[in-house]
PDB file of all heavy atoms in Angstrom:
ATOM      1  N   GLU A   1     223.813  22.401 203.053  1.00  0.00           N
ATOM      2  CA  GLU A   1     224.125  23.778 203.407  1.00  0.00           C
ATOM      3  C   GLU A   1     225.230  23.865 204.415  1.00  0.00           C
ATOM      4  O   GLU A   1     226.011  24.793 204.500  1.00  0.00           O
ATOM      5  CB  GLU A   1     222.879  24.512 203.905  1.00  0.00           C
ATOM      6  CG  GLU A   1     221.880  24.783 202.763  1.00  0.00           C
ATOM      7  CD  GLU A   1     220.674  25.479 203.341  1.00  0.00           C
ATOM      8  OE1 GLU A   1     220.589  25.688 204.547  1.00  0.00           O
ATOM      9  OE2 GLU A   1     219.723  25.813 202.535  1.00  0.00           O
ATOM     10  N   ASN A   2     225.232  22.902 205.373  1.00  0.00           N
ATOM     11  CA  ASN A   2     226.170  22.986 206.516  1.00  0.00           C
ATOM     12  C   ASN A   2     227.267  21.930 206.403  1.00  0.00           C
ATOM     13  O   ASN A   2     227.961  21.613 207.392  1.00  0.00           O
ATOM     14  CB  ASN A   2     225.404  22.769 207.788  1.00  0.00           C
ATOM     15  CG  ASN A   2     224.427  23.880 208.020  1.00  0.00           C
ATOM     16  OD1 ASN A   2     224.722  25.043 208.322  1.00  0.00           O
ATOM     17  ND2 ASN A   2     223.109  23.516 207.876  1.00  0.00           N
ATOM     18  N   ILE A   3     227.474  21.361 205.277  1.00  0.00           N
ATOM     19  CA  ILE A   3     228.483  20.287 205.131  1.00  0.00           C
ATOM     20  C   ILE A   3     229.900  20.840 205.397  1.00  0.00           C
ATOM     21  O   ILE A   3     230.773  20.086 205.829  1.00  0.00           O
ATOM     22  CB  ILE A   3     228.380  19.620 203.699  1.00  0.00           C
ATOM     23  CG1 ILE A   3     229.184  18.329 203.753  1.00  0.00           C
ATOM     24  CG2 ILE A   3     228.789  20.535 202.606  1.00  0.00           C
ATOM     25  CD1 ILE A   3     228.977  17.501 202.455  1.00  0.00           C
ATOM     26  N   ASP A   4     230.087  22.093 205.093  1.00  0.00           N
ATOM     27  CA  ASP A   4     231.444  22.686 205.237  1.00  0.00           C
ATOM     28  C   ASP A   4     231.642  23.221 206.690  1.00  0.00           C
ATOM     29  O   ASP A   4     232.772  23.689 207.011  1.00  0.00           O
ATOM     30  CB  ASP A   4     231.675  23.786 204.229  1.00  0.00           C
ATOM     31  CG  ASP A   4     230.659  24.889 204.383  1.00  0.00           C
ATOM     32  OD1 ASP A   4     229.541  24.575 204.913  1.00  0.00           O
ATOM     33  OD2 ASP A   4     230.877  25.997 203.936  1.00  0.00           O
ATOM     34  N   LYS A   5     230.636  23.226 207.502  1.00  0.00           N
ATOM     35  CA  LYS A   5     230.732  23.838 208.802  1.00  0.00           C
ATOM     36  C   LYS A   5     230.954  22.816 209.921  1.00  0.00           C
ATOM     37  O   LYS A   5     231.166  23.149 211.106  1.00  0.00           O
ATOM     38  CB  LYS A   5     229.474  24.660 209.130  1.00  0.00           C
ATOM     39  CG  LYS A   5     229.307  25.790 208.162  1.00  0.00           C
ATOM     40  CD  LYS A   5     227.975  26.533 208.547  1.00  0.00           C
ATOM     41  CE  LYS A   5     227.801  27.699 207.584  1.00  0.00           C
ATOM     42  NZ  LYS A   5     226.542  28.435 207.826  1.00  0.00           N
ATOM     43  N   SER A   6     230.699  21.494 209.655  1.00  0.00           N
ATOM     44  CA  SER A   6     230.808  20.478 210.667  1.00  0.00           C
ATOM     45  C   SER A   6     231.747  19.347 210.182  1.00  0.00           C
ATOM     46  O   SER A   6     232.016  19.221 209.004  1.00  0.00           O
ATOM     47  CB  SER A   6     229.413  19.847 210.966  1.00  0.00           C
ATOM     48  OG  SER A   6     228.506  20.839 211.410  1.00  0.00           O
ATOM     49  N   SER A   7     232.167  18.598 211.219  1.00  0.00           N
ATOM     50  CA  SER A   7     233.012  17.472 210.847  1.00  0.00           C
ATOM     51  C   SER A   7     232.230  16.323 210.272  1.00  0.00           C
ATOM     52  O   SER A   7     230.985  16.276 210.373  1.00  0.00           O
ATOM     53  CB  SER A   7     233.700  17.022 212.145  1.00  0.00           C
ATOM     54  OG  SER A   7     232.764  16.419 213.012  1.00  0.00           O
ATOM     55  N   ILE A   8     232.890  15.444 209.567  1.00  0.00           N
ATOM     56  CA  ILE A   8     232.248  14.339 208.882  1.00  0.00           C
ATOM     57  C   ILE A   8     231.579  13.408 209.911  1.00  0.00           C
ATOM     58  O   ILE A   8     230.537  12.803 209.624  1.00  0.00           O
ATOM     59  CB  ILE A   8     233.275  13.555 208.043  1.00  0.00           C
ATOM     60  CG1 ILE A   8     232.555  12.524 207.138  1.00  0.00           C
ATOM     61  CG2 ILE A   8     234.360  12.907 208.880  1.00  0.00           C
ATOM     62  CD1 ILE A   8     233.461  11.881 206.123  1.00  0.00           C
ATOM     63  N   TYR A   9     232.184  13.364 211.148  1.00  0.00           N
ATOM     64  CA  TYR A   9     231.574  12.471 212.192  1.00  0.00           C
ATOM     65  C   TYR A   9     230.153  12.943 212.537  1.00  0.00           C
ATOM     66  O   TYR A   9     229.260  12.189 212.752  1.00  0.00           O
ATOM     67  CB  TYR A   9     232.504  12.362 213.386  1.00  0.00           C
ATOM     68  CG  TYR A   9     233.858  11.823 213.056  1.00  0.00           C
ATOM     69  CD1 TYR A   9     235.003  12.668 213.060  1.00  0.00           C
ATOM     70  CD2 TYR A   9     234.013  10.442 212.795  1.00  0.00           C
ATOM     71  CE1 TYR A   9     236.237  12.193 212.789  1.00  0.00           C
ATOM     72  CE2 TYR A   9     235.281   9.925 212.520  1.00  0.00           C
ATOM     73  CZ  TYR A   9     236.393  10.791 212.487  1.00  0.00           C
ATOM     74  OH  TYR A   9     237.616  10.274 212.205  1.00  0.00           O
ATOM     75  N   ARG A  10     230.113  14.276 212.833  1.00  0.00           N
ATOM     76  CA  ARG A  10     228.850  14.869 213.269  1.00  0.00           C
ATOM     77  C   ARG A  10     227.775  14.757 212.232  1.00  0.00           C
ATOM     78  O   ARG A  10     226.587  14.438 212.517  1.00  0.00           O
ATOM     79  CB  ARG A  10     229.121  16.302 213.686  1.00  0.00           C
ATOM     80  CG  ARG A  10     227.879  16.943 214.349  1.00  0.00           C
ATOM     81  CD  ARG A  10     228.172  18.335 214.794  1.00  0.00           C
ATOM     82  NE  ARG A  10     229.211  18.285 215.845  1.00  0.00           N
ATOM     83  CZ  ARG A  10     229.799  19.356 216.360  1.00  0.00           C
ATOM     84  NH1 ARG A  10     229.461  20.613 215.932  1.00  0.00           N
ATOM     85  NH2 ARG A  10     230.675  19.244 217.339  1.00  0.00           N
ATOM     86  N   ILE A  11     228.198  15.083 210.938  1.00  0.00           N
ATOM     87  CA  ILE A  11     227.169  15.022 209.877  1.00  0.00           C
ATOM     88  C   ILE A  11     226.672  13.569 209.706  1.00  0.00           C
ATOM     89  O   ILE A  11     225.493  13.309 209.504  1.00  0.00           O
ATOM     90  CB  ILE A  11     227.813  15.565 208.605  1.00  0.00           C
ATOM     91  CG1 ILE A  11     228.091  17.100 208.717  1.00  0.00           C
ATOM     92  CG2 ILE A  11     226.887  15.343 207.444  1.00  0.00           C
ATOM     93  CD1 ILE A  11     228.852  17.705 207.551  1.00  0.00           C
ATOM     94  N   THR A  12     227.607  12.661 209.713  1.00  0.00           N
ATOM     95  CA  THR A  12     227.197  11.230 209.537  1.00  0.00           C
ATOM     96  C   THR A  12     226.349  10.716 210.614  1.00  0.00           C
ATOM     97  O   THR A  12     225.349  10.023 210.474  1.00  0.00           O
ATOM     98  CB  THR A  12     228.478  10.342 209.369  1.00  0.00           C
ATOM     99  OG1 THR A  12     229.287  10.870 208.394  1.00  0.00           O
ATOM    100  CG2 THR A  12     228.097   8.901 209.105  1.00  0.00           C
ATOM    101  N   LEU A  13     226.680  11.124 211.910  1.00  0.00           N
ATOM    102  CA  LEU A  13     225.917  10.689 213.062  1.00  0.00           C
ATOM    103  C   LEU A  13     224.527  11.257 213.009  1.00  0.00           C
ATOM    104  O   LEU A  13     223.511  10.542 213.220  1.00  0.00           O
ATOM    105  CB  LEU A  13     226.648  11.167 214.330  1.00  0.00           C
ATOM    106  CG  LEU A  13     225.926  10.773 215.677  1.00  0.00           C
ATOM    107  CD1 LEU A  13     225.787   9.273 215.836  1.00  0.00           C
ATOM    108  CD2 LEU A  13     226.641  11.424 216.833  1.00  0.00           C
ATOM    109  N   ILE A  14     224.368  12.516 212.681  1.00  0.00           N
ATOM    110  CA  ILE A  14     223.049  13.171 212.592  1.00  0.00           C
ATOM    111  C   ILE A  14     222.215  12.583 211.448  1.00  0.00           C
ATOM    112  O   ILE A  14     221.014  12.311 211.537  1.00  0.00           O
ATOM    113  CB  ILE A  14     223.218  14.704 212.433  1.00  0.00           C
ATOM    114  CG1 ILE A  14     223.781  15.318 213.651  1.00  0.00           C
ATOM    115  CG2 ILE A  14     221.846  15.318 212.065  1.00  0.00           C
ATOM    116  CD1 ILE A  14     224.098  16.803 213.547  1.00  0.00           C
ATOM    117  N   THR A  15     222.960  12.195 210.391  1.00  0.00           N
ATOM    118  CA  THR A  15     222.234  11.602 209.269  1.00  0.00           C
ATOM    119  C   THR A  15     221.594  10.321 209.634  1.00  0.00           C
ATOM    120  O   THR A  15     220.462   9.960 209.326  1.00  0.00           O
ATOM    121  CB  THR A  15     223.215  11.427 208.070  1.00  0.00           C
ATOM    122  OG1 THR A  15     223.755  12.676 207.648  1.00  0.00           O
ATOM    123  CG2 THR A  15     222.540  10.744 206.904  1.00  0.00           C
ATOM    124  N   PHE A  16     222.400   9.449 210.323  1.00  0.00           N
ATOM    125  CA  PHE A  16     221.867   8.112 210.736  1.00  0.00           C
ATOM    126  C   PHE A  16     220.731   8.298 211.744  1.00  0.00           C
ATOM    127  O   PHE A  16     219.746   7.562 211.659  1.00  0.00           O
ATOM    128  CB  PHE A  16     223.030   7.302 211.398  1.00  0.00           C
ATOM    129  CG  PHE A  16     223.880   6.634 210.422  1.00  0.00           C
ATOM    130  CD1 PHE A  16     225.263   6.835 210.295  1.00  0.00           C
ATOM    131  CD2 PHE A  16     223.325   5.716 209.495  1.00  0.00           C
ATOM    132  CE1 PHE A  16     226.085   6.199 209.389  1.00  0.00           C
ATOM    133  CE2 PHE A  16     224.171   5.088 208.577  1.00  0.00           C
ATOM    134  CZ  PHE A  16     225.524   5.284 208.502  1.00  0.00           C
ATOM    135  N   ILE A  17     220.893   9.240 212.650  1.00  0.00           N
ATOM    136  CA  ILE A  17     219.839   9.436 213.706  1.00  0.00           C
ATOM    137  C   ILE A  17     218.482   9.893 213.031  1.00  0.00           C
ATOM    138  O   ILE A  17     217.431   9.315 213.313  1.00  0.00           O
ATOM    139  CB  ILE A  17     220.313  10.423 214.760  1.00  0.00           C
ATOM    140  CG1 ILE A  17     221.432   9.814 215.592  1.00  0.00           C
ATOM    141  CG2 ILE A  17     219.099  10.794 215.682  1.00  0.00           C
ATOM    142  CD1 ILE A  17     222.056  10.783 216.606  1.00  0.00           C
ATOM    143  N   ILE A  18     218.650  10.915 212.180  1.00  0.00           N
ATOM    144  CA  ILE A  18     217.397  11.375 211.494  1.00  0.00           C
ATOM    145  C   ILE A  18     216.856  10.355 210.612  1.00  0.00           C
ATOM    146  O   ILE A  18     215.615  10.161 210.527  1.00  0.00           O
ATOM    147  CB  ILE A  18     217.757  12.710 210.695  1.00  0.00           C
ATOM    148  CG1 ILE A  18     218.106  13.845 211.691  1.00  0.00           C
ATOM    149  CG2 ILE A  18     216.532  13.107 209.885  1.00  0.00           C
ATOM    150  CD1 ILE A  18     218.590  15.066 210.959  1.00  0.00           C
ATOM    151  N   GLY A  19     217.656   9.551 209.885  1.00  0.00           N
ATOM    152  CA  GLY A  19     217.154   8.494 209.057  1.00  0.00           C
ATOM    153  C   GLY A  19     216.419   7.442 209.833  1.00  0.00           C
ATOM    154  O   GLY A  19     215.392   6.942 209.482  1.00  0.00           O
ATOM    155  N   LEU A  20     216.966   7.127 211.089  1.00  0.00           N
ATOM    156  CA  LEU A  20     216.363   6.112 211.970  1.00  0.00           C
ATOM    157  C   LEU A  20     214.989   6.659 212.425  1.00  0.00           C
ATOM    158  O   LEU A  20     213.954   5.937 212.411  1.00  0.00           O
ATOM    159  CB  LEU A  20     217.236   5.860 213.178  1.00  0.00           C
ATOM    160  CG  LEU A  20     216.670   4.878 214.277  1.00  0.00           C
ATOM    161  CD1 LEU A  20     216.460   3.492 213.612  1.00  0.00           C
ATOM    162  CD2 LEU A  20     217.630   4.814 215.484  1.00  0.00           C
ATOM    163  N   VAL A  21     214.960   7.959 212.844  1.00  0.00           N
ATOM    164  CA  VAL A  21     213.694   8.527 213.301  1.00  0.00           C
ATOM    165  C   VAL A  21     212.657   8.554 212.150  1.00  0.00           C
ATOM    166  O   VAL A  21     211.511   8.159 212.338  1.00  0.00           O
ATOM    167  CB  VAL A  21     213.900   9.924 213.848  1.00  0.00           C
ATOM    168  CG1 VAL A  21     212.619  10.625 214.142  1.00  0.00           C
ATOM    169  CG2 VAL A  21     214.815   9.901 215.115  1.00  0.00           C
ATOM    170  N   PHE A  22     213.054   9.009 211.008  1.00  0.00           N
ATOM    171  CA  PHE A  22     212.075   9.101 209.868  1.00  0.00           C
ATOM    172  C   PHE A  22     211.602   7.743 209.417  1.00  0.00           C
ATOM    173  O   PHE A  22     210.401   7.475 209.156  1.00  0.00           O
ATOM    174  CB  PHE A  22     212.726   9.836 208.682  1.00  0.00           C
ATOM    175  CG  PHE A  22     212.480  11.339 208.786  1.00  0.00           C
ATOM    176  CD1 PHE A  22     213.507  12.200 209.210  1.00  0.00           C
ATOM    177  CD2 PHE A  22     211.299  11.880 208.406  1.00  0.00           C
ATOM    178  CE1 PHE A  22     213.340  13.548 209.290  1.00  0.00           C
ATOM    179  CE2 PHE A  22     211.113  13.279 208.468  1.00  0.00           C
ATOM    180  CZ  PHE A  22     212.134  14.093 208.852  1.00  0.00           C
ATOM    181  N   PHE A  23     212.504   6.790 209.410  1.00  0.00           N
ATOM    182  CA  PHE A  23     212.128   5.437 208.970  1.00  0.00           C
ATOM    183  C   PHE A  23     211.110   4.862 209.941  1.00  0.00           C
ATOM    184  O   PHE A  23     210.107   4.263 209.573  1.00  0.00           O
ATOM    185  CB  PHE A  23     213.364   4.523 208.845  1.00  0.00           C
ATOM    186  CG  PHE A  23     213.071   3.139 208.424  1.00  0.00           C
ATOM    187  CD1 PHE A  23     212.746   2.831 207.073  1.00  0.00           C
ATOM    188  CD2 PHE A  23     212.981   2.094 209.406  1.00  0.00           C
ATOM    189  CE1 PHE A  23     212.421   1.510 206.766  1.00  0.00           C
ATOM    190  CE2 PHE A  23     212.627   0.836 209.028  1.00  0.00           C
ATOM    191  CZ  PHE A  23     212.373   0.521 207.705  1.00  0.00           C
ATOM    192  N   ASP A  24     211.401   4.984 211.293  1.00  0.00           N
ATOM    193  CA  ASP A  24     210.519   4.451 212.265  1.00  0.00           C
ATOM    194  C   ASP A  24     209.167   5.142 212.245  1.00  0.00           C
ATOM    195  O   ASP A  24     208.120   4.498 212.416  1.00  0.00           O
ATOM    196  CB  ASP A  24     211.134   4.570 213.651  1.00  0.00           C
ATOM    197  CG  ASP A  24     212.294   3.544 213.841  1.00  0.00           C
ATOM    198  OD1 ASP A  24     212.396   2.642 212.992  1.00  0.00           O
ATOM    199  OD2 ASP A  24     212.997   3.647 214.795  1.00  0.00           O
ATOM    200  N   LEU A  25     209.138   6.488 212.049  1.00  0.00           N
ATOM    201  CA  LEU A  25     207.832   7.160 212.005  1.00  0.00           C
ATOM    202  C   LEU A  25     207.035   6.738 210.830  1.00  0.00           C
ATOM    203  O   LEU A  25     205.819   6.496 210.927  1.00  0.00           O
ATOM    204  CB  LEU A  25     208.135   8.695 211.903  1.00  0.00           C
ATOM    205  CG  LEU A  25     208.591   9.393 213.175  1.00  0.00           C
ATOM    206  CD1 LEU A  25     208.895  10.859 212.898  1.00  0.00           C
ATOM    207  CD2 LEU A  25     207.490   9.288 214.283  1.00  0.00           C
ATOM    208  N   ILE A  26     207.696   6.589 209.605  1.00  0.00           N
ATOM    209  CA  ILE A  26     206.994   6.095 208.428  1.00  0.00           C
ATOM    210  C   ILE A  26     206.438   4.698 208.683  1.00  0.00           C
ATOM    211  O   ILE A  26     205.336   4.344 208.251  1.00  0.00           O
ATOM    212  CB  ILE A  26     207.827   6.245 207.173  1.00  0.00           C
ATOM    213  CG1 ILE A  26     208.110   7.774 206.889  1.00  0.00           C
ATOM    214  CG2 ILE A  26     207.214   5.605 205.977  1.00  0.00           C
ATOM    215  CD1 ILE A  26     209.134   7.959 205.772  1.00  0.00           C
TER     216      ILE A  26
END
């Protein structure tokens, strides 16, 4: 939904952070 509102760096950084958090929680 917000891919067109942020830069590719921010989206990629948030993706990695959330992926790290979810993976560690699971």
